[in-house]
Protein backbone atom coordinates (compact mmCIF):
# COMPACT_ATOMS: atom_id res chain seq x y z
CA MET A 1 187.37 32.59 122.21
CA ASN A 2 188.07 31.64 118.34
CA THR A 3 189.63 27.99 117.72
CA PRO A 4 192.16 28.32 114.90
CA PRO A 5 190.96 25.81 111.87
CA SER A 6 193.02 23.08 111.80
CA LYS A 7 195.59 22.42 109.16
CA THR A 8 194.66 20.32 106.31
CA LYS A 9 196.81 16.70 106.07
CA PRO A 10 199.17 16.86 103.10
CA HIS A 11 197.32 15.03 100.29
CA GLU A 12 196.63 14.57 96.64
CA LEU A 13 193.67 14.01 94.71
CA ALA A 14 192.61 11.56 91.76
CA VAL A 15 189.64 10.10 89.91
CA VAL A 16 189.36 6.62 89.09
CA GLN A 17 189.28 6.21 85.34
CA ASP A 18 187.36 3.80 82.95
CA GLN A 19 190.34 2.08 82.18
CA TRP A 20 191.13 1.21 85.88
CA ILE A 21 188.06 -0.79 85.95
CA ASP A 22 188.14 -4.72 85.96
CA LEU A 23 185.68 -7.40 85.16
CA TYR A 24 184.21 -7.09 88.44
CA GLY A 25 183.14 -3.34 88.21
CA HIS A 26 185.55 -1.78 90.48
CA MET A 27 189.17 -0.34 90.26
CA ASN A 28 191.87 -3.19 89.60
CA MET A 29 194.26 -3.92 92.30
CA ALA A 30 197.22 -2.96 90.24
CA TYR A 31 195.92 0.90 90.30
CA TYR A 32 195.69 0.74 93.80
CA VAL A 33 198.94 0.24 94.21
CA GLN A 34 200.06 2.39 91.42
CA LEU A 35 198.16 5.41 92.95
CA LEU A 36 199.49 5.03 96.52
CA ASP A 37 203.04 4.85 95.17
CA ASP A 38 202.35 7.75 92.54
CA LEU A 39 200.83 10.33 94.84
CA GLY A 40 202.70 9.07 97.95
CA HIS A 41 205.64 10.31 95.96
CA ARG A 42 204.07 13.64 95.03
CA ILE A 43 203.42 14.25 98.98
CA LEU A 44 207.25 13.28 99.65
CA ASP A 45 208.16 16.03 96.74
CA ARG A 46 206.59 18.66 99.02
CA PHE A 47 208.82 17.83 101.97
CA GLY A 48 212.01 17.94 99.69
CA LEU A 49 212.41 13.95 99.31
CA GLY A 50 210.95 13.52 95.88
CA GLU A 51 212.51 14.59 92.17
CA GLY A 52 214.38 17.66 93.16
CA TYR A 53 216.10 15.46 95.94
CA THR A 54 216.81 12.71 93.68
CA ARG A 55 218.23 15.19 90.94
CA GLU A 56 220.33 17.30 93.60
CA HIS A 57 221.67 14.11 95.48
CA ASN A 58 221.68 11.30 93.08
CA CYS A 59 220.00 9.24 95.44
CA GLY A 60 216.35 7.92 95.78
CA LEU A 61 214.07 5.57 97.83
CA PHE A 62 213.71 2.24 96.63
CA THR A 63 210.35 0.18 97.91
CA VAL A 64 211.49 -3.10 99.59
CA GLU A 65 208.24 -4.07 101.28
CA ALA A 66 204.68 -3.04 100.72
CA ASN A 67 201.85 -4.63 102.42
CA VAL A 68 198.57 -3.34 101.01
CA LYS A 69 195.29 -4.17 102.19
CA TYR A 70 192.04 -3.47 100.32
CA ILE A 71 189.26 -2.46 102.38
CA LYS A 72 186.20 -1.00 100.32
CA GLU A 73 185.77 -0.89 96.55
CA VAL A 74 185.89 2.35 94.50
CA ARG A 75 184.17 2.42 90.93
CA ALA A 76 184.76 4.80 87.73
CA GLY A 77 184.52 8.40 88.46
CA ASP A 78 184.94 8.07 92.21
CA PRO A 79 186.97 10.75 93.52
CA LEU A 80 189.91 9.81 95.64
CA ARG A 81 192.47 11.40 98.29
CA VAL A 82 195.55 9.89 98.91
CA GLU A 83 197.21 10.56 102.29
CA LEU A 84 200.77 9.84 103.69
CA THR A 85 201.92 9.28 106.87
CA PRO A 86 205.42 8.75 108.02
CA VAL A 87 205.89 5.66 110.55
CA ARG A 88 209.50 5.54 111.30
CA PHE A 89 212.96 6.56 109.77
CA ASP A 90 216.40 5.53 110.49
CA ASP A 91 219.70 6.35 108.82
CA LYS A 92 218.82 4.25 105.70
CA ARG A 93 215.07 3.35 106.04
CA LEU A 94 211.85 5.06 105.65
CA VAL A 95 208.69 3.28 106.55
CA THR A 96 205.42 5.58 105.39
CA GLN A 97 201.74 4.45 105.52
CA VAL A 98 199.71 5.80 102.42
CA ASP A 99 195.90 5.70 102.65
CA LEU A 100 193.18 5.85 99.75
CA TYR A 101 190.22 7.44 100.49
CA HIS A 102 187.04 7.96 98.66
CA HIS A 103 187.11 11.92 98.61
CA GLU A 104 183.47 12.60 98.54
CA LEU A 105 182.38 9.89 101.30
CA ASN A 106 185.50 9.76 103.20
CA TYR A 107 185.99 6.27 103.48
CA LEU A 108 188.90 4.06 103.77
CA SER A 109 189.50 2.25 100.24
CA ALA A 110 193.00 0.74 100.85
CA SER A 111 195.81 1.28 102.73
CA MET A 112 199.63 0.58 102.24
CA LEU A 113 202.56 0.06 104.48
CA GLN A 114 205.48 0.69 102.59
CA THR A 115 209.31 0.25 103.68
CA ALA A 116 211.77 2.00 101.56
CA LEU A 117 215.79 2.25 101.43
CA HIS A 118 217.93 5.47 100.64
CA VAL A 119 220.06 4.23 97.50
CA ASP A 120 222.48 5.97 95.68
CA LEU A 121 221.75 5.86 92.16
CA GLY A 122 225.54 5.72 90.98
CA THR A 123 226.28 2.71 92.97
CA ARG A 124 222.80 0.87 93.22
CA ARG A 125 223.57 0.75 96.99
CA VAL A 126 221.97 1.43 100.01
CA ARG A 127 223.77 4.28 101.67
CA PRO A 128 222.95 6.91 104.80
CA PHE A 129 220.33 9.88 104.14
CA SER A 130 222.37 13.12 103.87
CA GLU A 131 221.97 15.45 106.91
CA ALA A 132 219.50 17.75 104.82
CA ALA A 133 217.42 14.74 104.22
CA VAL A 134 217.60 13.63 107.67
CA GLN A 135 216.48 17.13 108.47
CA ARG A 136 213.52 17.19 106.10
CA LEU A 137 212.39 13.48 107.72
CA ARG A 138 212.58 15.08 110.99
CA ALA A 139 210.54 18.25 110.06
CA LEU A 140 208.27 15.73 108.22
CA LYS A 141 207.53 13.67 111.37
CA ASP A 142 207.32 16.79 113.78
CA GLU A 143 204.80 18.08 111.77
CA PHE A 144 202.28 15.31 111.52
CA GLU A 145 203.23 14.62 115.50
CA VAL A 146 202.13 18.69 116.14
CA ASN A 147 199.23 18.59 113.98
CA GLY A 148 197.92 14.86 115.26
CA TRP A 149 198.26 13.52 111.99
CA ASN A 150 200.53 10.57 113.04
CA ARG A 151 197.98 7.95 113.99
CA THR A 152 198.40 5.03 111.53
CA ARG A 153 196.13 2.20 111.08
CA ALA A 154 197.40 -1.36 111.68
CA LEU A 155 197.70 -3.37 108.76
């Protein structure tokens, strides 16, 4: 009996750049947050909740809280992988966990639990997600649960 290969969790790749290295010889903390945020947005874009959604609906996700845990250093030239897991959402909020791994050695380097509010860019006020966005969020959450990807790490 053949077992079908498991699907790969949605991710984005990067490489630690020399200019991201600090006095201590490892990636500076600011670049961890930048990578987690930027690459996390790219993953959300694949599920219809990124730049295209913002342009179509004139709404976006504003981060209101981010808790970052730095676990193991990475250095210049290290290959990185960022994975995003939807933790929960309601009509106006999305909570995600974004993890940064050393791609070759597969160790967790940093993790960020992030809460974002859905904001109307015209009024700059929080508003409920569109029905289309709610359907996308449900589909995203369902895909993660079906594939067993919904396991998050406690921060």
